[in-house]
Amino acid sequence: MADHQKIHPVAHDVEAPAAPTAPLVPRGVSKSDQGDPAVVGQGHYPPFQRTIPVMHSKPPKKRSCCCKCLCWTISLLLLLVILIAATVGILFLVFRPKLPKFSVDKLEITQFNLNNSDDTLNATFDVTITATNPNKKIGIYYEGGSQISGWYQNTQLCEGALPKFYQGHKNTTVLNLALTGQTQNATGLISALSQQRQETGNIPLGLKVNQPVKVKLGSLKLFKVKFRVRCTLIVDNLDANNQITISSSSCKFRLRL
């Protein structure tokens, strides 16, 4: 009986790998793009996976401090311009400003002779100018530092200055001014004047005035500005101690800040 109960050892390969007890990849999850053959073969399909695109939101734009400062500066400048324009408009409506008027009424020449020794022309003009302030509510202070000069074409013959005075509302002031000067290398100038008189019978002269003034609006005295006057005269001669006839005279007035 002992002989019949012999135990026969089962051949077992020690080096053979053991059979896995569980699948390496769980059922229902595909191992490749084709899926699990065992699952597909049984009529089961892998779950549908929907791809949702990723939306990247743009970061909000932030204004730099420099940009903000620039915007504030431009806004303040525009506001300042609007305030100045409004103030000027109100003053214009209230005071109704008008430019002064100038006219050259008389010209006398007491000296106009050529010194042959040094080729110098000595000239002295006595000019009578009428200045008119047509404004009803604006006064004009004529300040020092003015200049008035007499010209023939581009050559200055003489110069002088206007006195300091205040011209009230609707006022007319007559000014008698003495202009003196010397012109070097004047032989050519004398020849040009003689030829001009022979050809046309008259001589054109220019009178330039640069006058700093202060304008008074009511009781308010404003800052200093400058008047520029340009007058064109046509006279019959420039002989000294002789009666000078002004055939035409026109003056243009400009205001400069």
Protein backbone atom coordinates (compact mmCIF):
# COMPACT_ATOMS: atom_id res chain seq x y z
CA MET A 1 0.00 0.00 0.00
CA ALA A 2 2.88 2.23 0.70
CA ASP A 3 4.08 1.47 -2.75
CA HIS A 4 0.85 2.69 -4.33
CA GLN A 5 0.98 6.06 -2.53
CA LYS A 6 4.09 7.33 -4.18
CA ILE A 7 4.24 11.02 -4.74
CA HIS A 8 5.45 12.07 -8.15
CA PRO A 9 6.99 15.58 -8.20
CA VAL A 10 5.57 17.93 -10.72
CA ALA A 11 8.12 19.36 -13.06
CA HIS A 12 8.43 23.08 -12.42
CA ASP A 13 10.72 25.47 -14.22
CA VAL A 14 12.14 27.77 -11.60
CA GLU A 15 13.48 30.24 -14.13
CA ALA A 16 10.17 30.61 -16.01
CA PRO A 17 8.35 33.82 -15.27
CA ALA A 18 5.30 33.57 -13.12
CA ALA A 19 1.95 34.15 -14.77
CA PRO A 20 0.52 37.49 -13.86
CA THR A 21 -2.42 37.34 -11.56
CA ALA A 22 -3.86 40.64 -12.73
CA PRO A 23 -3.74 42.47 -16.06
CA LEU A 24 -1.10 45.20 -16.32
CA VAL A 25 -3.58 47.51 -18.01
CA PRO A 26 -7.10 47.63 -16.57
CA ARG A 27 -9.94 46.56 -18.69
CA GLY A 28 -11.73 49.42 -20.47
CA VAL A 29 -8.54 51.43 -21.04
CA SER A 30 -6.89 51.17 -24.40
CA LYS A 31 -3.23 50.40 -24.53
CA SER A 32 -2.83 51.94 -27.95
CA ASP A 33 -4.64 54.00 -30.51
CA GLN A 34 -6.33 50.80 -31.80
CA GLY A 35 -7.68 49.92 -28.38
CA ASP A 36 -7.62 46.61 -26.53
CA PRO A 37 -8.19 43.75 -29.00
CA ALA A 38 -9.82 41.61 -26.38
CA VAL A 39 -12.33 44.30 -25.49
CA VAL A 40 -13.03 45.31 -29.04
CA GLY A 41 -13.48 41.74 -30.06
CA GLN A 42 -16.19 41.34 -27.40
CA GLY A 43 -18.21 44.30 -28.83
CA HIS A 44 -17.11 46.91 -26.30
CA TYR A 45 -15.68 50.23 -27.40
CA PRO A 46 -13.46 52.65 -25.45
CA PRO A 47 -15.27 55.62 -23.88
CA PHE A 48 -15.56 58.71 -26.08
CA GLN A 49 -13.21 61.48 -24.99
CA ARG A 50 -14.12 65.02 -26.14
CA THR A 51 -11.24 67.39 -26.72
CA ILE A 52 -11.94 70.88 -25.30
CA PRO A 53 -9.72 73.64 -26.73
CA VAL A 54 -7.83 75.65 -24.19
CA MET A 55 -8.68 79.36 -24.29
CA HIS A 56 -5.87 81.68 -23.26
CA SER A 57 -7.28 84.98 -21.94
CA LYS A 58 -5.31 88.13 -22.72
CA PRO A 59 -3.91 89.87 -19.71
CA PRO A 60 -5.52 93.30 -19.08
CA LYS A 61 -3.57 96.24 -20.46
CA LYS A 62 -2.03 98.47 -17.84
CA ARG A 63 -1.25 102.11 -18.58
CA SER A 64 2.11 103.23 -17.49
CA CYS A 65 2.61 106.20 -15.19
CA CYS A 66 4.24 108.12 -18.04
CA CYS A 67 1.15 107.70 -20.23
CA LYS A 68 -1.14 108.86 -17.42
CA CYS A 69 1.03 111.91 -16.75
CA LEU A 70 0.99 112.78 -20.45
CA CYS A 71 -2.81 112.52 -20.60
CA TRP A 72 -3.20 114.73 -17.53
CA THR A 73 -0.77 117.29 -18.93
CA ILE A 74 -2.59 117.47 -22.27
CA SER A 75 -5.94 117.79 -20.49
CA LEU A 76 -4.67 120.63 -18.29
CA LEU A 77 -3.21 122.45 -21.29
CA LEU A 78 -6.47 122.15 -23.19
CA LEU A 79 -8.36 123.43 -20.16
CA LEU A 80 -5.95 126.36 -19.84
CA VAL A 81 -6.35 127.23 -23.54
CA ILE A 82 -10.13 127.13 -23.20
CA LEU A 83 -10.04 129.40 -20.14
CA ILE A 84 -7.74 131.89 -21.86
CA ALA A 85 -9.90 131.91 -24.99
CA ALA A 86 -13.02 132.44 -22.89
CA THR A 87 -11.37 135.30 -20.97
CA VAL A 88 -10.19 136.99 -24.16
CA GLY A 89 -13.63 136.61 -25.68
CA ILE A 90 -15.30 138.20 -22.66
CA LEU A 91 -12.82 141.09 -22.62
CA PHE A 92 -13.32 141.63 -26.34
CA LEU A 93 -17.08 141.80 -25.94
CA VAL A 94 -16.87 144.16 -22.96
CA PHE A 95 -14.15 146.58 -24.13
CA ARG A 96 -14.42 146.32 -27.94
CA PRO A 97 -10.68 146.98 -28.53
CA LYS A 98 -9.51 148.86 -31.64
CA LEU A 99 -6.01 149.45 -32.91
CA PRO A 100 -4.61 152.99 -32.61
CA LYS A 101 -4.20 155.08 -35.73
CA PHE A 102 -1.11 156.97 -36.92
CA SER A 103 -0.72 159.55 -39.64
CA VAL A 104 2.22 161.64 -40.86
CA ASP A 105 0.96 165.17 -41.30
CA LYS A 106 4.08 167.20 -41.93
CA LEU A 107 7.74 166.76 -42.86
CA GLU A 108 10.45 169.40 -42.70
CA ILE A 109 14.09 168.86 -43.60
CA THR A 110 16.50 171.15 -41.79
CA GLN A 111 19.66 169.33 -42.88
CA PHE A 112 20.35 167.10 -45.86
CA ASN A 113 23.85 167.61 -47.20
CA LEU A 114 26.78 165.47 -48.31
CA ASN A 115 30.18 165.93 -46.70
CA ASN A 116 32.61 165.30 -49.57
CA SER A 117 35.64 164.91 -47.30
CA ASP A 118 34.40 161.65 -45.74
CA ASP A 119 31.49 160.83 -48.08
CA THR A 120 28.95 161.13 -45.25
CA LEU A 121 25.36 162.28 -45.55
CA ASN A 122 24.01 164.27 -42.59
CA ALA A 123 20.22 164.39 -42.34
CA THR A 124 17.76 165.99 -39.89
CA PHE A 125 14.01 165.50 -40.34
CA ASP A 126 11.29 167.20 -38.31
CA VAL A 127 8.22 164.99 -38.48
CA THR A 128 4.72 165.76 -37.21
CA ILE A 129 2.74 162.61 -36.35
CA THR A 130 -0.84 162.36 -35.13
CA ALA A 131 -1.61 159.38 -32.87
CA THR A 132 -5.28 158.57 -32.24
CA ASN A 133 -6.75 156.22 -29.63
CA PRO A 134 -10.26 155.32 -30.89
CA ASN A 135 -11.20 153.17 -27.86
CA LYS A 136 -13.90 154.24 -25.39
CA LYS A 137 -12.75 152.05 -22.46
CA ILE A 138 -9.05 151.46 -23.16
CA GLY A 139 -6.12 153.74 -22.33
CA ILE A 140 -2.57 153.44 -23.71
CA TYR A 141 0.69 154.06 -21.84
CA TYR A 142 3.50 154.86 -24.28
CA GLU A 143 6.61 153.50 -22.54
CA GLY A 144 10.29 154.34 -22.99
CA GLY A 145 12.53 152.44 -25.39
CA SER A 146 10.74 153.41 -28.59
CA GLN A 147 12.41 153.95 -31.95
CA ILE A 148 11.32 155.83 -35.05
CA SER A 149 13.45 155.88 -38.19
CA GLY A 150 13.29 157.32 -41.72
CA TRP A 151 14.28 155.19 -44.73
CA TYR A 152 14.88 155.45 -48.44
CA GLN A 153 14.50 151.96 -49.89
CA ASN A 154 16.83 149.83 -47.72
CA THR A 155 18.98 152.68 -46.40
CA GLN A 156 18.27 154.29 -43.03
CA LEU A 157 18.60 158.07 -43.18
CA CYS A 158 17.76 159.17 -39.63
CA GLU A 159 16.22 158.01 -36.36
CA GLY A 160 14.70 159.27 -33.10
CA ALA A 161 12.27 158.27 -30.33
CA LEU A 162 8.74 158.96 -29.15
CA PRO A 163 8.22 160.56 -25.72
CA LYS A 164 6.63 158.73 -22.80
CA PHE A 165 3.00 159.71 -22.27
CA TYR A 166 -0.44 158.37 -21.45
CA GLN A 167 -3.18 158.52 -24.06
CA GLY A 168 -6.69 158.36 -22.66
CA HIS A 169 -9.98 157.21 -24.14
CA LYS A 170 -10.95 158.68 -27.52
CA ASN A 171 -7.84 160.88 -27.42
CA THR A 172 -5.81 162.41 -30.25
CA THR A 173 -2.18 163.43 -29.60
CA VAL A 174 0.05 165.41 -32.00
CA LEU A 175 3.77 164.59 -31.75
CA ASN A 176 6.58 166.75 -33.15
CA LEU A 177 9.67 164.57 -33.50
CA ALA A 178 13.24 165.33 -34.56
CA LEU A 179 15.07 162.56 -36.44
CA THR A 180 18.81 162.77 -37.09
CA GLY A 181 21.36 160.48 -38.68
CA GLN A 182 24.51 159.94 -40.72
CA THR A 183 24.92 157.68 -43.72
CA GLN A 184 28.36 156.48 -44.77
CA ASN A 185 29.43 156.09 -48.42
CA ALA A 186 26.51 158.26 -49.48
CA THR A 187 27.62 159.36 -52.98
CA GLY A 188 25.70 156.51 -54.62
CA LEU A 189 22.66 157.30 -52.47
CA ILE A 190 22.58 160.94 -53.54
CA SER A 191 22.82 159.89 -57.19
CA ALA A 192 19.93 157.43 -56.76
CA LEU A 193 17.75 160.11 -55.12
CA SER A 194 18.44 162.60 -57.92
CA GLN A 195 17.69 160.02 -60.59
CA GLN A 196 14.47 159.00 -58.82
CA ARG A 197 13.27 162.59 -58.70
CA GLN A 198 14.10 163.25 -62.36
CA GLU A 199 12.33 160.13 -63.60
CA THR A 200 9.17 160.20 -61.45
CA GLY A 201 9.04 163.73 -60.00
CA ASN A 202 8.79 162.40 -56.45
CA ILE A 203 10.72 160.42 -53.84
CA PRO A 204 9.31 157.50 -51.77
CA LEU A 205 10.23 157.43 -48.09
CA GLY A 206 9.52 154.95 -45.32
CA LEU A 207 8.87 155.63 -41.65
CA LYS A 208 9.17 152.81 -39.11
CA VAL A 209 7.99 153.00 -35.49
CA ASN A 210 8.64 150.40 -32.79
CA GLN A 211 6.85 151.46 -29.61
CA PRO A 212 6.44 149.47 -26.36
CA VAL A 213 3.14 150.20 -24.62
CA LYS A 214 0.98 149.03 -21.76
CA VAL A 215 -2.76 148.78 -22.26
CA LYS A 216 -5.16 149.86 -19.51
CA LEU A 217 -8.53 148.08 -19.42
CA GLY A 218 -10.72 150.08 -17.09
CA SER A 219 -8.59 150.27 -13.94
CA LEU A 220 -6.47 147.21 -14.85
CA LYS A 221 -3.03 147.85 -16.32
CA LEU A 222 -1.88 144.90 -18.44
CA PHE A 223 1.58 143.63 -19.34
CA LYS A 224 3.83 145.36 -21.86
CA VAL A 225 3.33 144.78 -25.59
CA LYS A 226 4.87 146.40 -28.67
CA PHE A 227 3.30 148.44 -31.45
CA ARG A 228 4.78 148.36 -34.94
CA VAL A 229 3.86 151.12 -37.37
CA ARG A 230 4.99 151.19 -41.00
CA CYS A 231 4.26 154.36 -42.97
CA THR A 232 4.87 155.02 -46.65
CA LEU A 233 5.31 158.62 -47.81
CA ILE A 234 5.61 160.17 -51.23
CA VAL A 235 7.33 163.60 -51.15
CA ASP A 236 8.30 165.95 -53.93
CA ASN A 237 11.89 166.69 -52.76
CA LEU A 238 14.41 166.34 -49.95
CA ASP A 239 16.00 169.77 -50.18
CA ALA A 240 17.01 171.30 -46.88
CA ASN A 241 15.13 174.42 -45.71
CA ASN A 242 12.63 173.98 -48.47
CA GLN A 243 8.92 173.30 -48.29
CA ILE A 244 8.25 169.54 -48.53
CA THR A 245 4.95 168.45 -49.98
CA ILE A 246 3.57 165.06 -48.93
CA SER A 247 1.49 163.85 -51.86
CA SER A 248 0.39 160.60 -50.17
CA SER A 249 0.77 158.96 -46.78
CA SER A 250 -0.45 155.60 -45.46
CA CYS A 251 0.35 153.77 -42.21
CA LYS A 252 -0.14 150.14 -41.20
CA PHE A 253 -0.41 149.27 -37.53
CA ARG A 254 0.46 145.92 -35.94
CA LEU A 255 0.54 144.58 -32.42
CA ARG A 256 3.32 142.27 -31.21
CA LEU A 257 3.46 140.45 -27.88
